[in-house]
C-alpha atoms as a PDB file:
ATOM      1  CA  GLU A   1     -36.849   6.883 -61.126  1.00  0.00           C
ATOM      2  CA  ASP A   2     -35.145   3.647 -62.207  1.00  0.00           C
ATOM      3  CA  LEU A   3     -33.757   5.297 -65.328  1.00  0.00           C
ATOM      4  CA  LEU A   4     -32.466   8.231 -63.306  1.00  0.00           C
ATOM      5  CA  ASN A   5     -30.764   5.893 -60.833  1.00  0.00           C
ATOM      6  CA  LEU A   6     -29.159   4.010 -63.726  1.00  0.00           C
ATOM      7  CA  LEU A   7     -27.817   7.271 -65.185  1.00  0.00           C
ATOM      8  CA  VAL A   8     -26.439   8.246 -61.758  1.00  0.00           C
ATOM      9  CA  ASP A   9     -24.829   4.806 -61.370  1.00  0.00           C
ATOM     10  CA  GLN A  10     -23.245   5.180 -64.823  1.00  0.00           C
ATOM     11  CA  SER A  11     -21.959   8.666 -63.848  1.00  0.00           C
ATOM     12  CA  ARG A  12     -23.829  10.215 -66.763  1.00  0.00           C
ATOM     13  CA  VAL A  13     -25.708  12.596 -64.459  1.00  0.00           C
ATOM     14  CA  VAL A  14     -25.065  14.034 -61.006  1.00  0.00           C
ATOM     15  CA  ARG A  15     -27.911  14.331 -58.534  1.00  0.00           C
ATOM     16  CA  VAL A  16     -27.287  17.347 -56.295  1.00  0.00           C
ATOM     17  CA  ASN A  17     -30.511  16.914 -54.346  1.00  0.00           C
ATOM     18  CA  GLU A  18     -33.905  15.247 -54.621  1.00  0.00           C
ATOM     19  CA  PHE A  19     -35.117  17.672 -57.297  1.00  0.00           C
ATOM     20  CA  VAL A  20     -31.995  18.835 -59.156  1.00  0.00           C
ATOM     21  CA  VAL A  21     -29.909  16.729 -61.535  1.00  0.00           C
ATOM     22  CA  PHE A  22     -27.146  17.914 -63.874  1.00  0.00           C
ATOM     23  CA  ASP A  23     -25.516  16.280 -66.871  1.00  0.00           C
ATOM     24  CA  ALA A  24     -22.138  14.990 -65.643  1.00  0.00           C
ATOM     25  CA  GLY A  25     -20.165  17.055 -68.167  1.00  0.00           C
ATOM     26  CA  ALA A  26     -22.035  20.241 -67.338  1.00  0.00           C
ATOM     27  CA  TYR A  27     -21.620  19.552 -63.628  1.00  0.00           C
ATOM     28  CA  GLN A  28     -17.856  19.166 -64.010  1.00  0.00           C
ATOM     29  CA  GLU A  29     -17.614  22.401 -66.016  1.00  0.00           C
ATOM     30  CA  MET A  30     -19.622  24.262 -63.361  1.00  0.00           C
ATOM     31  CA  LEU A  31     -17.509  22.772 -60.580  1.00  0.00           C
ATOM     32  CA  ASP A  32     -14.298  23.778 -62.355  1.00  0.00           C
ATOM     33  CA  ARG A  33     -15.503  27.362 -62.865  1.00  0.00           C
ATOM     34  CA  ILE A  34     -16.731  27.711 -59.287  1.00  0.00           C
ATOM     35  CA  VAL A  35     -13.466  26.381 -57.848  1.00  0.00           C
ATOM     36  CA  SER A  36     -11.404  28.561 -60.180  1.00  0.00           C
ATOM     37  CA  THR A  37     -13.385  31.684 -59.279  1.00  0.00           C
ATOM     38  CA  ALA A  38     -13.243  30.918 -55.555  1.00  0.00           C
ATOM     39  CA  LYS A  39      -9.466  30.415 -55.757  1.00  0.00           C
ATOM     40  CA  GLU A  40      -9.046  33.653 -57.667  1.00  0.00           C
ATOM     41  CA  ARG A  41     -11.274  35.787 -55.410  1.00  0.00           C
ATOM     42  CA  GLY A  42     -10.978  33.853 -52.176  1.00  0.00           C
ATOM     43  CA  LYS A  43     -14.760  33.415 -51.995  1.00  0.00           C
ATOM     44  CA  ILE A  44     -17.923  33.083 -54.076  1.00  0.00           C
ATOM     45  CA  ASN A  45     -21.622  33.580 -53.373  1.00  0.00           C
ATOM     46  CA  VAL A  46     -24.861  32.162 -54.748  1.00  0.00           C
ATOM     47  CA  ALA A  47     -25.672  35.313 -56.737  1.00  0.00           C
ATOM     48  CA  GLU A  48     -22.305  35.090 -58.507  1.00  0.00           C
ATOM     49  CA  VAL A  49     -22.911  31.436 -59.343  1.00  0.00           C
ATOM     50  CA  ARG A  50     -26.416  32.277 -60.566  1.00  0.00           C
ATOM     51  CA  ASP A  51     -25.050  35.000 -62.850  1.00  0.00           C
ATOM     52  CA  MET A  52     -22.064  32.905 -63.964  1.00  0.00           C
ATOM     53  CA  PHE A  53     -24.368  30.229 -65.364  1.00  0.00           C
ATOM     54  CA  ASN A  54     -27.352  32.446 -66.215  1.00  0.00           C
ATOM     55  CA  THR A  55     -29.651  30.302 -64.100  1.00  0.00           C
ATOM     56  CA  SER A  56     -32.116  30.747 -61.269  1.00  0.00           C
ATOM     57  CA  ARG A  57     -31.257  31.032 -57.602  1.00  0.00           C
ATOM     58  CA  LYS A  58     -32.907  27.625 -57.040  1.00  0.00           C
ATOM     59  CA  TYR A  59     -30.309  25.802 -59.136  1.00  0.00           C
ATOM     60  CA  ALA A  60     -27.359  27.897 -57.986  1.00  0.00           C
ATOM     61  CA  LEU A  61     -28.240  27.384 -54.317  1.00  0.00           C
ATOM     62  CA  SER A  62     -28.809  23.643 -54.806  1.00  0.00           C
ATOM     63  CA  LEU A  63     -25.403  23.328 -56.444  1.00  0.00           C
ATOM     64  CA  MET A  64     -23.643  25.335 -53.724  1.00  0.00           C
ATOM     65  CA  GLU A  65     -25.303  23.347 -50.936  1.00  0.00           C
ATOM     66  CA  HIS A  66     -24.207  20.156 -52.693  1.00  0.00           C
ATOM     67  CA  LEU A  67     -20.618  21.419 -52.822  1.00  0.00           C
ATOM     68  CA  ASP A  68     -20.834  22.210 -49.096  1.00  0.00           C
ATOM     69  CA  GLN A  69     -22.022  18.648 -48.426  1.00  0.00           C
ATOM     70  CA  ARG A  70     -19.176  17.236 -50.543  1.00  0.00           C
ATOM     71  CA  ARG A  71     -16.813  19.395 -48.476  1.00  0.00           C
ATOM     72  CA  ILE A  72     -15.503  21.255 -51.514  1.00  0.00           C
ATOM     73  CA  THR A  73     -16.770  24.553 -50.145  1.00  0.00           C
ATOM     74  CA  ARG A  74     -17.746  25.833 -46.725  1.00  0.00           C
ATOM     75  CA  ARG A  75     -20.406  28.429 -46.061  1.00  0.00           C
ATOM     76  CA  GLN A  76     -19.349  31.616 -44.276  1.00  0.00           C
ATOM     77  CA  GLY A  77     -22.347  33.886 -43.950  1.00  0.00           C
ATOM     78  CA  ASP A  78     -23.626  34.542 -47.476  1.00  0.00           C
ATOM     79  CA  GLU A  79     -20.418  33.377 -49.130  1.00  0.00           C
ATOM     80  CA  ARG A  80     -18.584  30.121 -49.756  1.00  0.00           C
ATOM     81  CA  VAL A  81     -14.862  29.517 -49.418  1.00  0.00           C
ATOM     82  CA  LEU A  82     -12.885  26.508 -50.553  1.00  0.00           C
ATOM     83  CA  ARG A  83     -11.950  23.921 -47.940  1.00  0.00           C
END
């Protein structure tokens, strides 16, 4: 836990919730792609994020909820739109 907190403090990783942590570079790439796609289409959903990064729903949903909390996106039904 101490090592993880140090990595977060050094901005080497991003903690999106209690159980999910991303490398800072990977997080920024995912954020950029999500924002770009949402701008292009006007919206994005968890399934699209899951497929975009070839990951599980658990990680895609955690990331999208984190972006909602950071006020980058806002949930509208099953989709997210940029704020």
